[in-house]
Protein backbone atom coordinates (compact mmCIF):
# COMPACT_ATOMS: atom_id res chain seq x y z
CA MET A 1 145.08 165.77 41.31
CA ALA A 2 145.96 162.02 41.64
CA ALA A 3 143.58 159.53 40.45
CA THR A 4 141.85 157.22 42.98
CA PRO A 5 141.31 153.66 42.63
CA VAL A 6 137.90 152.08 42.18
CA GLY A 7 136.86 150.69 45.57
CA ALA A 8 137.82 153.67 47.53
CA ARG A 9 134.96 155.84 49.06
CA HIS A 10 134.73 159.20 47.33
CA THR A 11 133.64 162.41 48.93
CA LYS A 12 135.60 164.84 46.89
CA LEU A 13 137.05 163.43 43.71
CA VAL A 14 133.69 163.57 41.84
CA GLY A 15 134.25 164.14 38.09
CA VAL A 16 137.77 162.72 38.06
CA ILE A 17 138.15 159.78 35.80
CA SER A 18 140.00 156.92 37.88
CA PRO A 19 141.49 153.79 36.48
CA HIS A 20 140.18 150.74 38.13
CA PRO A 21 143.19 148.61 39.56
CA ASP A 22 143.05 145.12 37.88
CA VAL A 23 142.41 141.84 39.83
CA ARG A 24 145.65 140.86 41.46
CA ALA A 25 146.93 137.48 39.84
CA ASP A 26 146.77 135.68 43.24
CA ALA A 27 143.12 136.74 43.39
CA TYR A 28 142.03 134.47 40.89
CA PRO A 29 139.79 132.36 40.25
CA VAL A 30 137.07 135.36 40.78
CA PRO A 31 134.12 134.00 42.49
CA ILE A 32 131.18 135.26 40.50
CA PHE A 33 127.68 135.38 41.25
CA LEU A 34 125.61 135.91 37.96
CA ASP A 35 122.13 137.61 37.32
CA VAL A 36 121.02 137.46 34.04
CA ASP A 37 117.95 137.63 31.67
CA THR A 38 119.40 135.27 29.03
CA GLY A 39 119.32 136.71 26.01
CA ILE A 40 121.73 136.72 23.14
CA ASP A 41 124.41 138.69 24.41
CA ASP A 42 123.97 137.16 27.86
CA SER A 43 124.50 134.05 26.08
CA LEU A 44 127.96 135.46 24.82
CA ALA A 45 128.85 136.68 28.25
CA LEU A 46 128.37 133.14 29.67
CA ALA A 47 130.43 131.67 26.97
CA TYR A 48 133.16 134.07 27.71
CA LEU A 49 132.93 133.32 31.47
CA PHE A 50 132.69 129.45 30.88
CA SER A 51 135.98 129.85 28.80
CA SER A 52 137.80 132.01 31.23
CA PRO A 53 139.96 130.09 34.01
CA GLU A 54 139.87 133.16 35.88
CA ALA A 55 136.28 132.86 36.51
CA GLN A 56 134.67 130.61 39.28
CA ILE A 57 130.71 131.02 38.73
CA ILE A 58 129.14 130.31 42.08
CA GLY A 59 125.53 130.48 40.90
CA ILE A 60 123.16 132.07 38.29
CA ALA A 61 120.06 133.91 39.27
CA CYS A 62 117.32 134.26 36.51
CA THR A 63 115.53 137.62 35.91
CA ALA A 64 112.73 138.32 33.55
CA GLY A 65 113.54 140.81 31.02
CA ASN A 66 114.64 140.06 27.61
CA VAL A 67 112.21 137.03 27.88
CA PRO A 68 110.06 135.69 30.78
CA THR A 69 111.67 134.22 33.84
CA ASP A 70 110.91 130.46 32.92
CA ARG A 71 112.46 130.83 29.48
CA VAL A 72 115.39 132.40 30.99
CA VAL A 73 115.78 129.76 33.45
CA ALA A 74 115.62 127.05 30.30
CA ASN A 75 118.28 128.96 28.59
CA ASN A 76 120.77 129.16 31.47
CA LEU A 77 120.16 125.40 32.18
CA ALA A 78 120.77 124.52 28.64
CA TRP A 79 123.76 126.50 28.29
CA LEU A 80 125.35 124.68 31.34
CA ASP A 81 124.73 121.29 29.70
CA LEU A 82 126.30 122.44 26.43
CA TRP A 83 129.43 123.88 28.46
CA ASP A 84 129.36 120.61 30.40
CA ALA A 85 129.52 122.96 33.53
CA ILE A 86 128.91 121.24 36.85
CA GLY A 87 128.47 122.42 40.38
CA ILE A 88 126.44 125.72 39.40
CA ASP A 89 123.15 126.33 40.77
CA VAL A 90 120.43 128.16 38.88
CA ALA A 91 117.82 130.05 40.83
CA ARG A 92 114.55 131.39 39.57
CA GLY A 93 113.89 134.96 40.04
CA ALA A 94 110.86 137.20 40.07
CA ASP A 95 108.36 137.05 37.22
CA GLY A 96 108.33 140.64 36.79
CA PRO A 97 109.55 144.22 38.16
CA LEU A 98 108.81 145.46 41.62
CA VAL A 99 105.97 147.62 40.60
CA THR A 100 104.88 147.65 36.93
CA GLY A 101 104.21 144.87 34.64
CA LEU A 102 106.84 143.05 32.57
CA ASN A 103 107.99 144.23 29.22
CA THR A 104 110.25 141.66 27.16
CA ALA A 105 112.34 141.92 24.08
CA GLU A 106 111.47 139.11 21.65
CA ASP A 107 111.85 141.62 18.67
CA THR A 108 115.61 141.83 19.74
CA HIS A 109 116.41 138.20 20.96
CA GLY A 110 113.81 135.88 19.56
CA ASP A 111 110.84 133.90 20.94
CA PHE A 112 113.29 131.76 23.02
CA GLY A 113 115.68 134.69 23.82
CA VAL A 114 118.32 133.12 21.89
CA GLY A 115 117.75 134.20 18.35
CA TYR A 116 117.45 131.33 15.73
CA ALA A 117 119.20 128.86 18.27
CA ARG A 118 116.95 126.04 19.58
CA LEU A 119 118.89 124.98 22.65
CA PRO A 120 118.37 121.35 24.02
CA ARG A 121 115.93 120.91 26.97
CA SER A 122 117.91 120.19 30.20
CA LEU A 123 117.08 117.68 32.74
CA ARG A 124 118.80 119.75 35.48
CA GLN A 125 117.08 120.74 38.46
CA ILE A 126 116.97 124.31 39.60
CA SER A 127 118.17 125.69 43.03
CA ARG A 128 115.75 125.48 46.23
CA PHE A 129 116.48 129.01 46.58
CA THR A 130 114.80 131.90 44.97
CA ALA A 131 117.20 134.22 43.14
CA ALA A 132 117.03 136.80 46.08
CA GLN A 133 117.76 134.20 48.59
CA ALA A 134 120.64 132.94 46.58
CA TRP A 135 122.20 136.31 46.37
CA VAL A 136 122.25 136.36 50.05
CA HIS A 137 123.47 132.95 50.49
CA ALA A 138 126.13 133.22 48.08
CA ALA A 139 127.42 136.63 49.64
CA ARG A 140 127.21 135.40 53.30
CA ARG A 141 129.25 132.05 52.42
CA GLN A 142 131.98 134.27 50.78
CA PRO A 143 131.84 137.64 52.68
CA GLY A 144 134.20 140.01 51.03
CA ARG A 145 135.19 137.97 48.31
CA LEU A 146 132.14 137.33 46.16
CA VAL A 147 131.82 139.58 42.91
CA GLY A 148 128.18 140.17 41.63
CA LEU A 149 127.47 140.58 37.80
CA VAL A 150 124.05 141.70 36.63
CA THR A 151 123.21 141.78 32.99
CA GLY A 152 119.66 142.11 33.34
CA PRO A 153 117.18 144.10 35.41
CA LEU A 154 117.97 144.60 38.84
CA THR A 155 114.88 143.21 40.52
CA ASN A 156 116.29 140.13 42.18
CA LEU A 157 119.29 142.26 43.41
CA ALA A 158 116.80 144.73 45.04
CA LEU A 159 114.81 141.83 46.67
CA ALA A 160 118.15 140.43 47.83
CA ILE A 161 118.92 143.73 49.66
CA ARG A 162 115.69 143.96 51.09
CA LEU A 163 116.46 140.38 52.74
CA GLU A 164 119.92 141.39 53.56
CA PRO A 165 120.46 145.02 53.90
CA ARG A 166 124.40 144.44 54.57
CA LEU A 167 124.58 142.74 50.91
CA PRO A 168 126.55 145.81 49.42
CA LYS A 169 129.21 145.49 52.22
CA LEU A 170 129.33 141.79 51.92
CA LEU A 171 130.09 141.80 47.97
CA ASN A 172 133.67 142.30 47.14
CA ARG A 173 132.54 144.13 44.06
CA LEU A 174 129.36 144.59 41.80
CA ILE A 175 129.25 145.09 38.10
CA ILE A 176 125.99 146.13 36.70
CA MET A 177 125.22 146.44 32.71
CA GLY A 178 122.83 149.18 32.44
CA GLY A 179 121.90 152.78 31.99
CA ALA A 180 122.67 155.56 29.64
CA PHE A 181 124.23 158.93 30.87
CA ASP A 182 125.92 160.95 28.03
CA HIS A 183 124.43 158.84 25.35
CA PRO A 184 120.95 158.11 23.85
CA GLY A 185 118.77 155.15 25.33
CA ASN A 186 118.09 151.94 23.32
CA THR A 187 114.54 151.73 24.64
CA THR A 188 113.21 155.18 24.91
CA PRO A 189 115.02 158.33 23.74
CA THR A 190 116.87 158.58 27.33
CA ALA A 191 116.48 155.21 28.90
CA GLU A 192 118.39 151.76 28.63
CA TRP A 193 116.86 148.47 28.56
CA ASN A 194 117.81 146.80 31.71
CA ILE A 195 117.23 149.85 34.07
CA SER A 196 113.98 150.79 32.05
CA VAL A 197 112.36 147.23 32.85
CA ASP A 198 112.45 147.78 36.35
CA PRO A 199 113.43 151.37 37.40
CA GLU A 200 112.28 151.15 41.04
CA ALA A 201 114.60 148.11 41.66
CA ALA A 202 117.66 150.04 40.02
CA LYS A 203 117.02 152.91 42.35
CA GLU A 204 116.67 150.77 45.32
CA VAL A 205 120.16 149.32 44.47
CA PHE A 206 121.72 152.66 44.03
CA ASP A 207 119.99 154.17 46.97
CA ALA A 208 121.46 151.19 49.00
CA TYR A 209 124.98 151.84 47.78
CA GLY A 210 124.67 155.54 48.70
CA ALA A 211 123.80 154.67 52.30
CA ALA A 212 126.20 151.70 52.69
CA ASP A 213 129.09 153.45 54.21
CA GLY A 214 132.52 151.49 53.55
CA ALA A 215 130.82 149.47 50.63
CA THR A 216 132.83 149.07 47.46
CA LEU A 217 131.21 151.23 45.01
CA PRO A 218 129.27 149.28 42.23
CA VAL A 219 130.64 149.59 38.45
CA ILE A 220 128.09 150.70 35.88
CA CYS A 221 128.81 149.56 32.49
CA PRO A 222 126.34 151.98 30.44
CA LEU A 223 125.46 152.08 26.80
CA ASP A 224 128.14 154.97 26.42
CA ILE A 225 130.80 152.38 26.43
CA THR A 226 129.03 149.15 25.50
CA GLU A 227 127.52 150.43 22.15
CA THR A 228 131.14 150.87 21.01
CA MET A 229 131.68 146.93 21.34
CA VAL A 230 130.34 146.31 17.94
CA MET A 231 130.76 142.35 16.89
CA THR A 232 130.91 141.68 13.34
CA PRO A 233 130.65 138.49 11.27
CA GLN A 234 134.49 138.67 11.01
CA HIS A 235 134.67 138.34 14.92
CA LEU A 236 132.56 135.36 14.81
CA GLN A 237 134.61 133.79 12.04
CA ARG A 238 137.84 134.38 14.06
CA ILE A 239 136.36 132.43 16.73
CA ALA A 240 135.56 129.49 14.64
CA LEU A 241 138.92 129.65 13.08
CA ARG A 242 140.55 129.32 16.65
CA ALA A 243 138.22 126.69 17.65
CA GLY A 244 139.04 124.78 14.57
CA SER A 245 135.23 124.28 13.86
CA LYS A 246 134.33 122.95 10.45
CA PRO A 247 133.05 124.42 7.98
CA ILE A 248 134.44 127.91 8.30
CA GLU A 249 130.98 129.85 8.12
CA PHE A 250 130.69 133.57 7.21
CA LEU A 251 127.28 135.26 8.01
CA SER A 252 126.00 137.64 5.61
CA PRO A 253 122.73 140.02 5.25
CA THR A 254 121.98 138.27 2.20
CA ASP A 255 121.82 134.79 3.62
CA PRO A 256 118.44 133.01 3.29
CA ILE A 257 116.36 133.53 6.21
CA ASP A 258 116.15 129.72 7.00
CA ARG A 259 119.97 129.21 6.91
CA ARG A 260 120.95 127.53 10.04
CA SER A 261 124.74 127.05 11.34
CA GLU A 262 126.55 123.68 10.25
CA ALA A 263 129.30 124.11 12.77
CA SER A 264 130.79 121.03 14.03
CA ILE A 265 131.12 122.36 17.59
CA PRO A 266 127.72 122.42 19.13
CA VAL A 267 128.35 125.53 21.38
CA LEU A 268 129.68 127.34 18.30
CA ARG A 269 126.57 126.13 16.37
CA HIS A 270 124.25 127.63 18.90
CA LEU A 271 125.90 130.78 19.36
CA THR A 272 126.17 131.31 15.47
CA ASP A 273 122.30 130.87 15.05
CA ALA A 274 121.84 133.17 18.21
CA LEU A 275 123.99 135.85 16.85
CA ARG A 276 122.72 135.69 13.16
CA PHE A 277 119.42 136.93 14.73
CA TYR A 278 121.06 139.46 16.72
CA PHE A 279 123.05 140.74 13.58
CA GLU A 280 119.73 140.83 11.64
CA PHE A 281 118.01 142.89 14.40
CA HIS A 282 120.86 145.59 14.46
CA ASP A 283 120.69 145.57 10.61
CA LYS A 284 116.86 146.40 10.84
CA GLN A 285 117.68 149.19 13.28
CA GLY A 286 119.91 150.81 10.68
CA ILE A 287 123.13 150.06 12.93
CA GLY A 288 124.54 147.73 10.32
CA TYR A 289 124.92 143.77 10.11
CA VAL A 290 126.67 143.85 13.62
CA ALA A 291 125.75 143.31 17.08
CA GLN A 292 126.60 145.14 20.11
CA VAL A 293 127.53 142.99 22.67
CA HIS A 294 126.89 144.94 25.86
CA ASP A 295 126.95 142.02 28.19
CA ALA A 296 130.09 140.30 27.12
CA PHE A 297 131.99 143.38 27.85
CA ALA A 298 130.58 143.74 31.20
CA ALA A 299 131.67 140.17 32.02
CA ALA A 300 135.34 141.14 30.67
CA ILE A 301 135.66 143.99 32.88
CA THR A 302 134.29 141.91 35.61
CA LEU A 303 137.31 139.72 35.32
CA HIS A 304 139.82 142.40 33.97
CA PRO A 305 138.57 145.83 35.40
CA GLY A 306 141.71 147.41 34.05
CA MET A 307 140.18 147.08 30.37
CA ALA A 308 138.20 150.10 31.07
CA THR A 309 138.53 153.60 32.84
CA TYR A 310 135.86 154.97 35.22
CA ARG A 311 134.36 158.06 36.59
CA PRO A 312 132.83 158.48 40.18
CA ALA A 313 129.29 159.83 40.17
CA THR A 314 126.11 159.94 42.26
CA VAL A 315 123.68 158.13 40.25
CA ASP A 316 119.77 158.11 40.39
CA VAL A 317 116.93 156.93 38.53
CA GLU A 318 114.10 158.85 37.11
CA LEU A 319 110.77 157.20 38.26
CA THR A 320 108.00 159.75 37.45
CA GLY A 321 109.06 161.61 34.20
CA THR A 322 106.53 161.39 31.69
CA LEU A 323 109.16 161.24 28.75
CA THR A 324 112.14 160.15 30.89
CA ARG A 325 110.98 157.17 33.24
CA GLY A 326 113.79 154.84 33.71
CA SER A 327 116.31 157.17 32.73
CA THR A 328 119.60 157.25 34.72
CA VAL A 329 121.12 160.56 35.85
CA ALA A 330 124.56 161.09 37.07
CA ASP A 331 125.68 163.93 39.21
CA ARG A 332 129.37 164.43 38.67
CA ARG A 333 129.72 167.90 40.45
CA GLY A 334 127.86 167.40 43.73
CA PHE A 335 124.87 169.47 43.02
CA TRP A 336 122.69 167.07 44.84
CA GLY A 337 125.03 167.07 48.05
CA ARG A 338 125.26 163.19 48.23
CA PRO A 339 128.41 161.29 48.02
CA PRO A 340 129.11 159.15 44.76
CA ASN A 341 127.44 155.58 44.95
CA ALA A 342 128.82 154.35 41.92
CA TYR A 343 131.82 154.04 39.17
CA ILE A 344 130.68 154.80 35.57
CA ALA A 345 132.83 152.88 33.06
CA THR A 346 133.74 155.56 30.45
CA THR A 347 136.45 154.38 28.12
CA SER A 348 137.74 151.41 26.51
CA GLU A 349 139.53 149.85 23.56
CA PRO A 350 137.22 147.62 21.46
CA ASP A 351 139.70 145.94 19.50
CA ALA A 352 141.45 144.61 22.49
CA PHE A 353 138.29 143.52 24.05
CA PHE A 354 137.39 141.54 20.94
CA ASN A 355 141.02 140.22 20.70
CA HIS A 356 140.69 138.94 24.33
CA LEU A 357 136.88 137.41 23.90
CA ILE A 358 137.88 135.74 20.49
CA GLU A 359 141.00 134.07 22.19
CA ARG A 360 139.14 133.04 25.26
CA ILE A 361 136.29 131.53 23.64
CA GLY A 362 137.88 130.21 20.76
CA GLU A 363 140.72 128.56 22.56
CA SER A 364 138.29 126.75 24.97
CA LEU A 365 136.11 125.47 22.22
CA ARG A 366 139.51 124.19 20.61
CA ARG A 367 140.44 122.49 23.87
CA ARG A 368 137.02 120.96 24.31
CA SER A 369 136.87 119.69 20.74
CA GLU A 370 140.13 118.02 21.00
CA TYR A 371 139.24 116.39 24.40
CA ALA A 372 136.23 115.00 22.75
CA ARG A 373 138.10 113.31 19.85
């Protein structure tokens, strides 16, 4: 049976692995609306997108997740300053999930959400729109063109769909980092963090796409694939070498706890201090002195969908299970009698992803450093 490209509306090909067609060269730059809970791996995703000429970031929505909303706002504004990014509105989102209280992850991302980094305070003003309003405004301005990327809980997007039920049809594509299917969770034995923070919001989003006939199905980038994207100190060192940063640093689990980066390039200095914390967190979890960079991979397939393969499925979220609340469930064989409402990213090549990430960020920082001299 022939594979069907992502974007087609499936009714029969459930369970068939389908390659996602890459974005046409004449479609660049890709207008992207980000929704993030920044976050160390969110910060790396931002670095990748700021470094990619294929990306045109239209706006950034801030959602509570890894840290509270105000801290997410501060982090995003600071990264915009560090990258000298202009013309990008940052919109403040909801303070917590639709139904339950907010859980945050300072143990994973540090008290400020960026590990050991201490980002400079920004004087930028935030958008006059709420995050939900910003989603709707951006999509209405570029109907059929805007690409959404969510690397945090889906609270803002759910609220945006309540404001504008046509939003799934207005978006060109939507990429969601979240969920776990044939893979253990990272928050409970079965649930992934972003979905578990606000499972009601995730269900609203998936249900909306299930009901939006003619909408391009969203891509879910779950732990099944993102936990194979394992960044090492060698990867970070390669970015520094490509950027021409001095001194060339190598992070190690034996480093003193108070060691801080002395990289000559400010962005790299802050990223290094953030990633050191992330490496240490993963090491304490028994994974090794490495970092699973979920959000950066989701950002990469936003610009280059051909970096992964995908499987259509009908996705729902468990809301009432005593042990399984927040878990994502995929029906790939039509048991529920409902059409597919998502594509799940299933396979990729980690080495190719990291080579691409290193080239993008390292080269961008090298050019910025040369320009500043």
